[in-house]
Amino acid sequence: MPRRKKMENISLEEQLVTVEQEIKTTEAELKELRLKAKDLRKKIEDKQKDEIFSALIASGKTVEEVMKYLKSGNEEKAE
């Protein structure tokens, strides 16, 4: 891998080109990290949904019973 010239030994124009290339590289890395974070958030959400569904099944309650319970709990808090 060729060594990069020291910044003080190259022209301002070359320095600008170098900095702009670094910006593009960093932006690409940032975009990749944002996509990775989005994917991780989705996986966490899916895991939580699976845990809730498993708890629902294990409780023996119907979906309607759980929904009624959740709605009644929200009404109590609103009052």
PDB file of N, CA and C in Angstrom:
ATOM      1  N   MET A   1       0.846  -1.161   0.000  1.00  0.00           N
ATOM      2  CA  MET A   1       0.000   0.000   0.000  1.00  0.00           C
ATOM      3  C   MET A   1       0.898   1.232   0.000  1.00  0.00           C
ATOM      4  N   PRO A   2       0.719   2.107  -0.992  1.00  0.00           N
ATOM      5  CA  PRO A   2       1.604   3.281  -1.071  1.00  0.00           C
ATOM      6  C   PRO A   2       1.357   4.225   0.087  1.00  0.00           C
ATOM      7  N   ARG A   3       2.429   4.836   0.504  1.00  0.00           N
ATOM      8  CA  ARG A   3       2.315   5.807   1.589  1.00  0.00           C
ATOM      9  C   ARG A   3       1.682   7.081   1.070  1.00  0.00           C
ATOM     10  N   ARG A   4       0.891   7.687   1.915  1.00  0.00           N
ATOM     11  CA  ARG A   4       0.280   8.955   1.562  1.00  0.00           C
ATOM     12  C   ARG A   4       1.265  10.066   1.893  1.00  0.00           C
ATOM     13  N   LYS A   5       1.347  11.052   1.005  1.00  0.00           N
ATOM     14  CA  LYS A   5       2.231  12.179   1.249  1.00  0.00           C
ATOM     15  C   LYS A   5       1.749  12.948   2.466  1.00  0.00           C
ATOM     16  N   LYS A   6       2.681  13.528   3.187  1.00  0.00           N
ATOM     17  CA  LYS A   6       2.301  14.374   4.310  1.00  0.00           C
ATOM     18  C   LYS A   6       1.504  15.553   3.765  1.00  0.00           C
ATOM     19  N   MET A   7       0.494  15.938   4.510  1.00  0.00           N
ATOM     20  CA  MET A   7      -0.399  17.002   4.042  1.00  0.00           C
ATOM     21  C   MET A   7       0.341  18.307   3.765  1.00  0.00           C
ATOM     22  N   GLU A   8       1.342  18.601   4.553  1.00  0.00           N
ATOM     23  CA  GLU A   8       2.033  19.880   4.336  1.00  0.00           C
ATOM     24  C   GLU A   8       2.919  19.860   3.086  1.00  0.00           C
ATOM     25  N   ASN A   9       3.178  18.678   2.526  1.00  0.00           N
ATOM     26  CA  ASN A   9       4.023  18.576   1.345  1.00  0.00           C
ATOM     27  C   ASN A   9       3.227  18.528   0.038  1.00  0.00           C
ATOM     28  N   ILE A  10       1.892  18.629   0.129  1.00  0.00           N
ATOM     29  CA  ILE A  10       1.090  18.607  -1.102  1.00  0.00           C
ATOM     30  C   ILE A  10       0.321  19.917  -1.225  1.00  0.00           C
ATOM     31  N   SER A  11      -0.128  20.201  -2.433  1.00  0.00           N
ATOM     32  CA  SER A  11      -0.801  21.480  -2.685  1.00  0.00           C
ATOM     33  C   SER A  11      -2.162  21.513  -2.001  1.00  0.00           C
ATOM     34  N   LEU A  12      -2.709  22.685  -1.894  1.00  0.00           N
ATOM     35  CA  LEU A  12      -4.031  22.849  -1.286  1.00  0.00           C
ATOM     36  C   LEU A  12      -5.095  22.100  -2.077  1.00  0.00           C
ATOM     37  N   GLU A  13      -4.958  22.114  -3.381  1.00  0.00           N
ATOM     38  CA  GLU A  13      -5.918  21.406  -4.229  1.00  0.00           C
ATOM     39  C   GLU A  13      -5.874  19.903  -3.966  1.00  0.00           C
ATOM     40  N   GLU A  14      -4.668  19.376  -3.829  1.00  0.00           N
ATOM     41  CA  GLU A  14      -4.521  17.945  -3.533  1.00  0.00           C
ATOM     42  C   GLU A  14      -5.057  17.626  -2.136  1.00  0.00           C
ATOM     43  N   GLN A  15      -4.820  18.544  -1.206  1.00  0.00           N
ATOM     44  CA  GLN A  15      -5.362  18.350   0.137  1.00  0.00           C
ATOM     45  C   GLN A  15      -6.889  18.310   0.100  1.00  0.00           C
ATOM     46  N   LEU A  16      -7.481  19.200  -0.701  1.00  0.00           N
ATOM     47  CA  LEU A  16      -8.934  19.246  -0.834  1.00  0.00           C
ATOM     48  C   LEU A  16      -9.464  17.941  -1.408  1.00  0.00           C
ATOM     49  N   VAL A  17      -8.820  17.440  -2.438  1.00  0.00           N
ATOM     50  CA  VAL A  17      -9.229  16.174  -3.046  1.00  0.00           C
ATOM     51  C   VAL A  17      -9.160  15.051  -2.010  1.00  0.00           C
ATOM     52  N   THR A  18      -8.087  15.026  -1.259  1.00  0.00           N
ATOM     53  CA  THR A  18      -7.911  13.999  -0.226  1.00  0.00           C
ATOM     54  C   THR A  18      -9.012  14.086   0.828  1.00  0.00           C
ATOM     55  N   VAL A  19      -9.298  15.289   1.283  1.00  0.00           N
ATOM     56  CA  VAL A  19     -10.330  15.475   2.306  1.00  0.00           C
ATOM     57  C   VAL A  19     -11.701  15.092   1.755  1.00  0.00           C
ATOM     58  N   GLU A  20     -11.990  15.471   0.518  1.00  0.00           N
ATOM     59  CA  GLU A  20     -13.282  15.111  -0.088  1.00  0.00           C
ATOM     60  C   GLU A  20     -13.422  13.594  -0.230  1.00  0.00           C
ATOM     61  N   GLN A  21     -12.337  12.912  -0.554  1.00  0.00           N
ATOM     62  CA  GLN A  21     -12.379  11.452  -0.629  1.00  0.00           C
ATOM     63  C   GLN A  21     -12.641  10.842   0.750  1.00  0.00           C
ATOM     64  N   GLU A  22     -12.023  11.401   1.763  1.00  0.00           N
ATOM     65  CA  GLU A  22     -12.249  10.918   3.132  1.00  0.00           C
ATOM     66  C   GLU A  22     -13.695  11.156   3.556  1.00  0.00           C
ATOM     67  N   ILE A  23     -14.264  12.284   3.148  1.00  0.00           N
ATOM     68  CA  ILE A  23     -15.668  12.578   3.458  1.00  0.00           C
ATOM     69  C   ILE A  23     -16.568  11.530   2.810  1.00  0.00           C
ATOM     70  N   LYS A  24     -16.325  11.216   1.539  1.00  0.00           N
ATOM     71  CA  LYS A  24     -17.144  10.217   0.841  1.00  0.00           C
ATOM     72  C   LYS A  24     -17.040   8.854   1.525  1.00  0.00           C
ATOM     73  N   THR A  25     -15.843   8.488   1.911  1.00  0.00           N
ATOM     74  CA  THR A  25     -15.637   7.206   2.591  1.00  0.00           C
ATOM     75  C   THR A  25     -16.385   7.183   3.924  1.00  0.00           C
ATOM     76  N   THR A  26     -16.267   8.267   4.667  1.00  0.00           N
ATOM     77  CA  THR A  26     -16.924   8.347   5.972  1.00  0.00           C
ATOM     78  C   THR A  26     -18.442   8.341   5.827  1.00  0.00           C
ATOM     79  N   GLU A  27     -18.958   9.039   4.813  1.00  0.00           N
ATOM     80  CA  GLU A  27     -20.399   9.048   4.564  1.00  0.00           C
ATOM     81  C   GLU A  27     -20.893   7.643   4.228  1.00  0.00           C
ATOM     82  N   ALA A  28     -20.136   6.910   3.439  1.00  0.00           N
ATOM     83  CA  ALA A  28     -20.514   5.541   3.090  1.00  0.00           C
ATOM     84  C   ALA A  28     -20.525   4.657   4.329  1.00  0.00           C
ATOM     85  N   GLU A  29     -19.520   4.829   5.190  1.00  0.00           N
ATOM     86  CA  GLU A  29     -19.461   4.057   6.433  1.00  0.00           C
ATOM     87  C   GLU A  29     -20.635   4.411   7.340  1.00  0.00           C
ATOM     88  N   LEU A  30     -20.973   5.695   7.415  1.00  0.00           N
ATOM     89  CA  LEU A  30     -22.094   6.152   8.228  1.00  0.00           C
ATOM     90  C   LEU A  30     -23.406   5.562   7.712  1.00  0.00           C
ATOM     91  N   LYS A  31     -23.578   5.559   6.411  1.00  0.00           N
ATOM     92  CA  LYS A  31     -24.784   4.982   5.813  1.00  0.00           C
ATOM     93  C   LYS A  31     -24.884   3.495   6.163  1.00  0.00           C
ATOM     94  N   GLU A  32     -23.781   2.796   6.075  1.00  0.00           N
ATOM     95  CA  GLU A  32     -23.741   1.376   6.405  1.00  0.00           C
ATOM     96  C   GLU A  32     -24.073   1.149   7.882  1.00  0.00           C
ATOM     97  N   LEU A  33     -23.538   1.983   8.761  1.00  0.00           N
ATOM     98  CA  LEU A  33     -23.815   1.860  10.192  1.00  0.00           C
ATOM     99  C   LEU A  33     -25.284   2.143  10.500  1.00  0.00           C
ATOM    100  N   ARG A  34     -25.863   3.123   9.806  1.00  0.00           N
ATOM    101  CA  ARG A  34     -27.286   3.425  10.009  1.00  0.00           C
ATOM    102  C   ARG A  34     -28.157   2.241   9.586  1.00  0.00           C
ATOM    103  N   LEU A  35     -27.816   1.618   8.470  1.00  0.00           N
ATOM    104  CA  LEU A  35     -28.566   0.438   8.021  1.00  0.00           C
ATOM    105  C   LEU A  35     -28.431  -0.705   9.020  1.00  0.00           C
ATOM    106  N   LYS A  36     -27.234  -0.877   9.556  1.00  0.00           N
ATOM    107  CA  LYS A  36     -27.004  -1.926  10.544  1.00  0.00           C
ATOM    108  C   LYS A  36     -27.823  -1.660  11.806  1.00  0.00           C
ATOM    109  N   ALA A  37     -27.862  -0.403  12.252  1.00  0.00           N
ATOM    110  CA  ALA A  37     -28.650  -0.037  13.434  1.00  0.00           C
ATOM    111  C   ALA A  37     -30.133  -0.284  13.181  1.00  0.00           C
ATOM    112  N   LYS A  38     -30.601   0.052  11.990  1.00  0.00           N
ATOM    113  CA  LYS A  38     -32.003  -0.170  11.641  1.00  0.00           C
ATOM    114  C   LYS A  38     -32.328  -1.663  11.674  1.00  0.00           C
ATOM    115  N   ASP A  39     -31.436  -2.468  11.141  1.00  0.00           N
ATOM    116  CA  ASP A  39     -31.622  -3.917  11.135  1.00  0.00           C
ATOM    117  C   ASP A  39     -31.648  -4.463  12.563  1.00  0.00           C
ATOM    118  N   LEU A  40     -30.758  -3.975  13.413  1.00  0.00           N
ATOM    119  CA  LEU A  40     -30.725  -4.422  14.803  1.00  0.00           C
ATOM    120  C   LEU A  40     -31.999  -4.024  15.552  1.00  0.00           C
ATOM    121  N   ARG A  41     -32.499  -2.810  15.295  1.00  0.00           N
ATOM    122  CA  ARG A  41     -33.754  -2.386  15.930  1.00  0.00           C
ATOM    123  C   ARG A  41     -34.899  -3.302  15.517  1.00  0.00           C
ATOM    124  N   LYS A  42     -34.930  -3.665  14.235  1.00  0.00           N
ATOM    125  CA  LYS A  42     -35.971  -4.564  13.719  1.00  0.00           C
ATOM    126  C   LYS A  42     -35.870  -5.928  14.387  1.00  0.00           C
ATOM    127  N   LYS A  43     -34.656  -6.451  14.536  1.00  0.00           N
ATOM    128  CA  LYS A  43     -34.468  -7.746  15.181  1.00  0.00           C
ATOM    129  C   LYS A  43     -34.906  -7.708  16.640  1.00  0.00           C
ATOM    130  N   ILE A  44     -34.607  -6.615  17.335  1.00  0.00           N
ATOM    131  CA  ILE A  44     -35.020  -6.457  18.724  1.00  0.00           C
ATOM    132  C   ILE A  44     -36.547  -6.436  18.808  1.00  0.00           C
ATOM    133  N   GLU A  45     -37.164  -5.670  17.918  1.00  0.00           N
ATOM    134  CA  GLU A  45     -38.624  -5.585  17.901  1.00  0.00           C
ATOM    135  C   GLU A  45     -39.248  -6.956  17.621  1.00  0.00           C
ATOM    136  N   ASP A  46     -38.698  -7.686  16.663  1.00  0.00           N
ATOM    137  CA  ASP A  46     -39.212  -9.017  16.345  1.00  0.00           C
ATOM    138  C   ASP A  46     -39.065  -9.965  17.534  1.00  0.00           C
ATOM    139  N   LYS A  47     -37.942  -9.865  18.227  1.00  0.00           N
ATOM    140  CA  LYS A  47     -37.715 -10.702  19.408  1.00  0.00           C
ATOM    141  C   LYS A  47     -38.740 -10.385  20.491  1.00  0.00           C
ATOM    142  N   GLN A  48     -39.001  -9.108  20.709  1.00  0.00           N
ATOM    143  CA  GLN A  48     -39.980  -8.702  21.706  1.00  0.00           C
ATOM    144  C   GLN A  48     -41.378  -9.197  21.336  1.00  0.00           C
ATOM    145  N   LYS A  49     -41.719  -9.121  20.056  1.00  0.00           N
ATOM    146  CA  LYS A  49     -43.019  -9.627  19.601  1.00  0.00           C
ATOM    147  C   LYS A  49     -43.132 -11.122  19.866  1.00  0.00           C
ATOM    148  N   ASP A  50     -42.059 -11.850  19.579  1.00  0.00           N
ATOM    149  CA  ASP A  50     -42.064 -13.292  19.829  1.00  0.00           C
ATOM    150  C   ASP A  50     -42.239 -13.592  21.315  1.00  0.00           C
ATOM    151  N   GLU A  51     -41.576 -12.818  22.168  1.00  0.00           N
ATOM    152  CA  GLU A  51     -41.693 -13.015  23.617  1.00  0.00           C
ATOM    153  C   GLU A  51     -43.115 -12.744  24.094  1.00  0.00           C
ATOM    154  N   ILE A  52     -43.730 -11.693  23.583  1.00  0.00           N
ATOM    155  CA  ILE A  52     -45.110 -11.367  23.953  1.00  0.00           C
ATOM    156  C   ILE A  52     -46.054 -12.470  23.478  1.00  0.00           C
ATOM    157  N   PHE A  53     -45.858 -12.929  22.253  1.00  0.00           N
ATOM    158  CA  PHE A  53     -46.715 -13.987  21.712  1.00  0.00           C
ATOM    159  C   PHE A  53     -46.554 -15.266  22.524  1.00  0.00           C
ATOM    160  N   SER A  54     -45.342 -15.617  22.888  1.00  0.00           N
ATOM    161  CA  SER A  54     -45.100 -16.814  23.702  1.00  0.00           C
ATOM    162  C   SER A  54     -45.778 -16.698  25.061  1.00  0.00           C
ATOM    163  N   ALA A  55     -45.712 -15.514  25.655  1.00  0.00           N
ATOM    164  CA  ALA A  55     -46.362 -15.292  26.947  1.00  0.00           C
ATOM    165  C   ALA A  55     -47.878 -15.414  26.803  1.00  0.00           C
ATOM    166  N   LEU A  56     -48.411 -14.915  25.705  1.00  0.00           N
ATOM    167  CA  LEU A  56     -49.851 -15.020  25.442  1.00  0.00           C
ATOM    168  C   LEU A  56     -50.267 -16.487  25.348  1.00  0.00           C
ATOM    169  N   ILE A  57     -49.529 -17.261  24.590  1.00  0.00           N
ATOM    170  CA  ILE A  57     -49.829 -18.681  24.429  1.00  0.00           C
ATOM    171  C   ILE A  57     -49.723 -19.405  25.770  1.00  0.00           C
ATOM    172  N   ALA A  58     -48.655 -19.108  26.511  1.00  0.00           N
ATOM    173  CA  ALA A  58     -48.437 -19.768  27.795  1.00  0.00           C
ATOM    174  C   ALA A  58     -49.520 -19.413  28.818  1.00  0.00           C
ATOM    175  N   SER A  59     -50.124 -18.237  28.693  1.00  0.00           N
ATOM    176  CA  SER A  59     -51.139 -17.808  29.657  1.00  0.00           C
ATOM    177  C   SER A  59     -52.447 -18.576  29.493  1.00  0.00           C
ATOM    178  N   GLY A  60     -52.676 -19.123  28.311  1.00  0.00           N
ATOM    179  CA  GLY A  60     -53.933 -19.832  28.057  1.00  0.00           C
ATOM    180  C   GLY A  60     -55.087 -18.893  27.759  1.00  0.00           C
ATOM    181  N   LYS A  61     -54.838 -17.623  27.739  1.00  0.00           N
ATOM    182  CA  LYS A  61     -55.889 -16.639  27.459  1.00  0.00           C
ATOM    183  C   LYS A  61     -56.049 -16.479  25.947  1.00  0.00           C
ATOM    184  N   THR A  62     -57.245 -16.041  25.554  1.00  0.00           N
ATOM    185  CA  THR A  62     -57.463 -15.763  24.138  1.00  0.00           C
ATOM    186  C   THR A  62     -56.955 -14.363  23.832  1.00  0.00           C
ATOM    187  N   VAL A  63     -56.792 -14.097  22.563  1.00  0.00           N
ATOM    188  CA  VAL A  63     -56.359 -12.766  22.135  1.00  0.00           C
ATOM    189  C   VAL A  63     -57.386 -11.732  22.593  1.00  0.00           C
ATOM    190  N   GLU A  64     -58.653 -12.070  22.474  1.00  0.00           N
ATOM    191  CA  GLU A  64     -59.718 -11.149  22.874  1.00  0.00           C
ATOM    192  C   GLU A  64     -59.633 -10.819  24.373  1.00  0.00           C
ATOM    193  N   GLU A  65     -59.371 -11.833  25.197  1.00  0.00           N
ATOM    194  CA  GLU A  65     -59.259 -11.613  26.632  1.00  0.00           C
ATOM    195  C   GLU A  65     -58.083 -10.679  26.952  1.00  0.00           C
ATOM    196  N   VAL A  66     -56.987 -10.899  26.299  1.00  0.00           N
ATOM    197  CA  VAL A  66     -55.803 -10.067  26.542  1.00  0.00           C
ATOM    198  C   VAL A  66     -56.060  -8.642  26.062  1.00  0.00           C
ATOM    199  N   MET A  67     -56.691  -8.502  24.906  1.00  0.00           N
ATOM    200  CA  MET A  67     -56.989  -7.162  24.391  1.00  0.00           C
ATOM    201  C   MET A  67     -57.945  -6.423  25.333  1.00  0.00           C
ATOM    202  N   LYS A  68     -58.952  -7.136  25.835  1.00  0.00           N
ATOM    203  CA  LYS A  68     -59.897  -6.531  26.766  1.00  0.00           C
ATOM    204  C   LYS A  68     -59.161  -6.082  28.031  1.00  0.00           C
ATOM    205  N   TYR A  69     -58.270  -6.924  28.526  1.00  0.00           N
ATOM    206  CA  TYR A  69     -57.489  -6.592  29.715  1.00  0.00           C
ATOM    207  C   TYR A  69     -56.617  -5.353  29.487  1.00  0.00           C
ATOM    208  N   LEU A  70     -55.945  -5.329  28.358  1.00  0.00           N
ATOM    209  CA  LEU A  70     -55.067  -4.193  28.058  1.00  0.00           C
ATOM    210  C   LEU A  70     -55.864  -2.900  27.913  1.00  0.00           C
ATOM    211  N   LYS A  71     -57.007  -2.994  27.246  1.00  0.00           N
ATOM    212  CA  LYS A  71     -57.841  -1.798  27.061  1.00  0.00           C
ATOM    213  C   LYS A  71     -58.392  -1.316  28.388  1.00  0.00           C
ATOM    214  N   SER A  72     -58.810  -2.217  29.248  1.00  0.00           N
ATOM    215  CA  SER A  72     -59.346  -1.808  30.546  1.00  0.00           C
ATOM    216  C   SER A  72     -58.257  -1.167  31.399  1.00  0.00           C
ATOM    217  N   GLY A  73     -57.036  -1.658  31.296  1.00  0.00           N
ATOM    218  CA  GLY A  73     -55.922  -1.074  32.028  1.00  0.00           C
ATOM    219  C   GLY A  73     -55.627   0.344  31.567  1.00  0.00           C
ATOM    220  N   ASN A  74     -55.735   0.595  30.278  1.00  0.00           N
ATOM    221  CA  ASN A  74     -55.484   1.939  29.743  1.00  0.00           C
ATOM    222  C   ASN A  74     -56.578   2.914  30.158  1.00  0.00           C
ATOM    223  N   GLU A  75     -57.810   2.438  30.246  1.00  0.00           N
ATOM    224  CA  GLU A  75     -58.907   3.314  30.657  1.00  0.00           C
ATOM    225  C   GLU A  75     -58.756   3.727  32.102  1.00  0.00           C
ATOM    226  N   GLU A  76     -58.271   2.791  32.950  1.00  0.00           N
ATOM    227  CA  GLU A  76     -58.083   3.114  34.362  1.00  0.00           C
ATOM    228  C   GLU A  76     -57.025   4.193  34.534  1.00  0.00           C
ATOM    229  N   LYS A  77     -55.992   4.135  33.734  1.00  0.00           N
ATOM    230  CA  LYS A  77     -54.907   5.113  33.830  1.00  0.00           C
ATOM    231  C   LYS A  77     -55.388   6.488  33.358  1.00  0.00           C
ATOM    232  N   ALA A  78     -56.299   6.520  32.372  1.00  0.00           N
ATOM    233  CA  ALA A  78     -56.785   7.781  31.813  1.00  0.00           C
ATOM    234  C   ALA A  78     -57.689   8.506  32.804  1.00  0.00           C
ATOM    235  N   GLU A  79     -58.336   7.788  33.682  1.00  0.00           N
ATOM    236  CA  GLU A  79     -59.268   8.406  34.623  1.00  0.00           C
ATOM    237  C   GLU A  79     -58.596   9.122  35.752  1.00  0.00           C
TER     238      GLU A  79
END
